[in-house]
Protein backbone atom coordinates (compact mmCIF):
# COMPACT_ATOMS: atom_id res chain seq x y z
CA MET A 1 265.97 -31.27 40.02
CA THR A 2 262.81 -29.25 40.44
CA ARG A 3 260.05 -30.51 42.55
CA LEU A 4 256.53 -30.43 41.07
CA LEU A 5 254.05 -28.27 42.85
CA SER A 6 251.43 -30.30 44.58
CA HIS A 7 247.83 -29.66 43.64
CA PRO A 8 245.00 -30.09 46.09
CA HIS A 9 242.86 -33.17 45.59
CA ARG A 10 239.71 -32.31 43.68
CA ASP A 11 236.53 -34.23 43.34
CA ARG A 12 236.54 -35.97 39.95
CA ALA A 13 232.75 -36.21 39.65
CA PRO A 14 231.51 -35.10 36.24
CA ARG A 15 230.04 -31.60 36.07
CA VAL A 16 227.31 -30.38 33.81
CA ALA A 17 228.91 -28.58 30.90
CA ARG A 18 227.52 -25.16 30.12
CA ALA A 19 227.91 -25.74 26.40
CA GLY A 20 225.53 -28.69 26.67
CA LEU A 21 222.59 -26.56 27.77
CA VAL A 22 220.37 -26.09 24.76
CA GLN A 23 218.36 -22.89 24.44
CA PRO A 24 215.62 -23.70 21.92
CA VAL A 25 213.46 -21.16 20.10
CA ALA A 26 209.82 -21.54 21.21
CA ALA A 27 206.93 -21.42 18.73
CA VAL A 28 203.38 -21.03 20.08
CA LEU A 29 201.00 -23.16 18.00
CA THR A 30 197.32 -22.42 18.62
CA ASP A 31 195.73 -24.60 15.90
CA ARG A 32 195.05 -21.62 13.64
CA ILE A 33 196.10 -20.74 10.13
CA ALA A 34 198.84 -18.41 11.45
CA ASP A 35 200.70 -21.40 12.92
CA VAL A 36 202.52 -22.02 9.66
CA ALA A 37 203.96 -18.49 9.58
CA VAL A 38 204.90 -18.75 13.28
CA ALA A 39 206.67 -22.08 12.75
CA GLU A 40 208.54 -20.82 9.68
CA ALA A 41 209.78 -17.72 11.51
CA ALA A 42 210.83 -19.77 14.54
CA ALA A 43 212.61 -22.29 12.29
CA ARG A 44 214.59 -19.51 10.59
CA ILE A 45 215.72 -18.15 13.97
CA ALA A 46 216.58 -21.64 15.24
CA LEU A 47 218.50 -22.47 12.08
CA ALA A 48 220.57 -19.30 12.38
CA ARG A 49 221.42 -20.17 15.99
CA ARG A 50 221.77 -23.91 15.36
CA VAL A 51 219.33 -24.83 18.12
CA PRO A 52 216.15 -26.96 18.08
CA LEU A 53 212.59 -25.68 18.13
CA LEU A 54 210.33 -25.88 21.16
CA LEU A 55 206.91 -26.44 19.58
CA ILE A 56 204.29 -25.53 22.19
CA ALA A 57 200.86 -26.87 21.21
CA VAL A 58 198.13 -24.89 22.97
CA MET A 59 195.15 -27.06 23.91
CA PRO A 60 191.70 -25.82 24.94
CA PRO A 61 190.69 -26.23 28.59
CA HIS A 62 187.88 -28.71 27.87
CA VAL A 63 190.32 -31.36 26.56
CA ARG A 64 191.18 -33.92 29.26
CA ARG A 65 194.66 -33.33 30.63
CA SER A 66 195.25 -36.92 31.68
CA SER A 67 195.25 -38.29 28.14
CA LEU A 68 197.08 -35.37 26.58
CA GLY A 69 200.84 -35.60 26.31
CA PRO A 70 203.38 -34.51 23.70
CA ALA A 71 202.81 -37.79 21.81
CA SER A 72 198.98 -37.76 21.89
CA ALA A 73 196.88 -37.65 18.73
CA SER A 74 195.59 -34.11 19.43
CA VAL A 75 199.09 -32.69 19.76
CA ARG A 76 200.34 -34.60 16.72
CA ALA A 77 197.46 -33.10 14.70
CA VAL A 78 198.56 -29.58 15.65
CA LEU A 79 202.20 -30.36 14.87
CA ALA A 80 201.34 -32.06 11.56
CA ARG A 81 200.19 -28.75 10.12
CA VAL A 82 203.60 -27.12 10.59
CA MET A 83 205.99 -30.05 10.14
CA PRO A 84 206.16 -29.78 6.32
CA LYS A 85 207.54 -26.24 6.76
CA VAL A 86 209.79 -27.02 9.73
CA GLY A 87 211.11 -30.42 8.58
CA PRO A 88 213.28 -29.23 5.67
CA HIS A 89 215.24 -26.95 8.01
CA ALA A 90 216.43 -30.03 9.98
CA THR A 91 216.79 -28.12 13.24
CA GLY A 92 215.10 -30.73 15.41
CA TYR A 93 212.16 -30.05 17.68
CA ILE A 94 210.89 -30.59 21.19
CA PRO A 95 207.10 -31.07 21.46
CA GLU A 96 205.36 -29.59 24.48
CA VAL A 97 201.73 -29.11 25.55
CA PHE A 98 200.20 -26.03 27.15
CA HIS A 99 196.66 -26.17 28.52
CA LEU A 100 194.65 -22.98 28.51
CA PRO A 101 193.43 -22.17 32.03
CA VAL A 102 189.81 -23.00 32.83
CA GLY A 103 187.52 -19.96 33.03
CA ARG A 104 188.21 -16.41 32.06
CA GLY A 105 191.08 -15.32 34.28
CA SER A 106 193.03 -12.13 33.81
CA ARG A 107 194.29 -11.39 30.34
CA LEU A 108 197.89 -11.97 31.37
CA ALA A 109 197.40 -15.16 33.44
CA ALA A 110 197.70 -17.53 30.47
CA ALA A 111 200.56 -15.50 29.01
CA LYS A 112 202.55 -15.71 32.25
CA GLU A 113 202.01 -19.48 32.47
CA LEU A 114 203.11 -19.99 28.86
CA LEU A 115 206.24 -17.88 29.40
CA ALA A 116 207.01 -19.91 32.53
CA LEU A 117 206.81 -23.08 30.41
CA ALA A 118 209.21 -21.56 27.86
CA SER A 119 211.55 -20.52 30.68
CA ARG A 120 211.63 -24.06 32.07
CA HIS A 121 213.01 -25.12 28.68
CA ARG A 122 215.50 -22.21 28.76
CA ALA A 123 214.04 -20.64 25.59
CA PRO A 124 215.34 -17.06 25.17
CA ASP A 125 212.93 -16.34 22.28
CA VAL A 126 209.22 -17.01 21.85
CA VAL A 127 207.53 -16.64 18.47
CA ALA A 128 203.75 -16.08 18.48
CA ALA A 129 201.01 -14.86 16.16
CA ARG A 130 199.67 -11.35 16.55
CA ARG A 131 196.18 -12.76 17.02
CA GLY A 132 195.51 -15.80 19.14
CA PRO A 133 193.33 -17.21 21.90
CA HIS A 134 192.53 -15.16 24.99
CA GLY A 135 195.83 -14.04 26.51
CA LEU A 136 198.09 -15.88 24.07
CA ASP A 137 198.38 -13.34 21.29
CA ALA A 138 201.82 -11.81 20.82
CA HIS A 139 200.82 -8.51 22.42
CA ALA A 140 199.74 -10.19 25.68
CA LEU A 141 202.94 -12.28 25.67
CA ILE A 142 205.05 -9.15 25.14
CA GLU A 143 203.30 -7.41 28.02
CA ALA A 144 203.71 -10.42 30.32
CA ALA A 145 207.37 -10.76 29.35
CA ALA A 146 207.94 -7.10 30.18
CA LEU A 147 206.26 -7.51 33.57
CA ARG A 148 208.10 -10.66 34.62
CA GLY A 149 211.39 -10.11 32.79
CA GLY A 150 210.80 -13.03 30.47
CA PRO A 151 212.08 -14.03 27.05
CA PHE A 152 211.98 -11.88 23.93
CA VAL A 153 208.69 -12.29 22.07
CA HIS A 154 208.51 -12.05 18.27
CA ALA A 155 205.11 -11.06 16.83
CA ILE A 156 204.30 -12.70 13.48
CA ALA A 157 201.47 -11.69 11.18
CA PRO A 158 199.94 -14.45 9.07
CA ALA A 159 200.72 -14.43 5.39
CA ALA A 160 198.26 -12.56 3.24
CA TRP A 161 195.61 -14.75 1.68
CA VAL A 162 195.92 -15.02 -2.09
CA PRO A 163 192.93 -16.49 -3.95
CA LEU A 164 193.58 -19.41 -6.23
CA GLN A 165 193.51 -18.56 -9.91
CA SER A 166 192.60 -20.98 -12.59
CA PRO A 167 195.13 -21.36 -15.39
CA ALA A 168 194.47 -19.25 -18.46
CA PRO A 169 193.16 -21.26 -21.44
């Protein structure tokens, strides 16, 4: 008869599973017309990776911070513009609020803070418009990501404007 090898006693407390850590794709929404193109591009990336979206609504500095959360009316108004394009992809989303810093700091100050917010959510990719508020355009985010070793930033140009045409009689 063979004796079974004894195993040392191990703590049976549950551990956090690495597979359970979600890495969402972040979309920077600045309440501009380019937000729709940014959200669509982020949704396509998230759908391919089967992860949710991190929708970061950028709020101006003069809006009171105390009454502004991810479920506030101001943030819902920003998200409502992009939800018809994001909703059909059924990737899920995480709403988040980013407040622009008060005053005119350095060009990269706001970009570094926004990338820190994306890093707290473990987002490896950030999608932003080429033109945006001071320090939050894609070029400033790319520069800040290169300086701090942050996530990969995708620059999205808004769709070309096509004038409405009346139907031919």
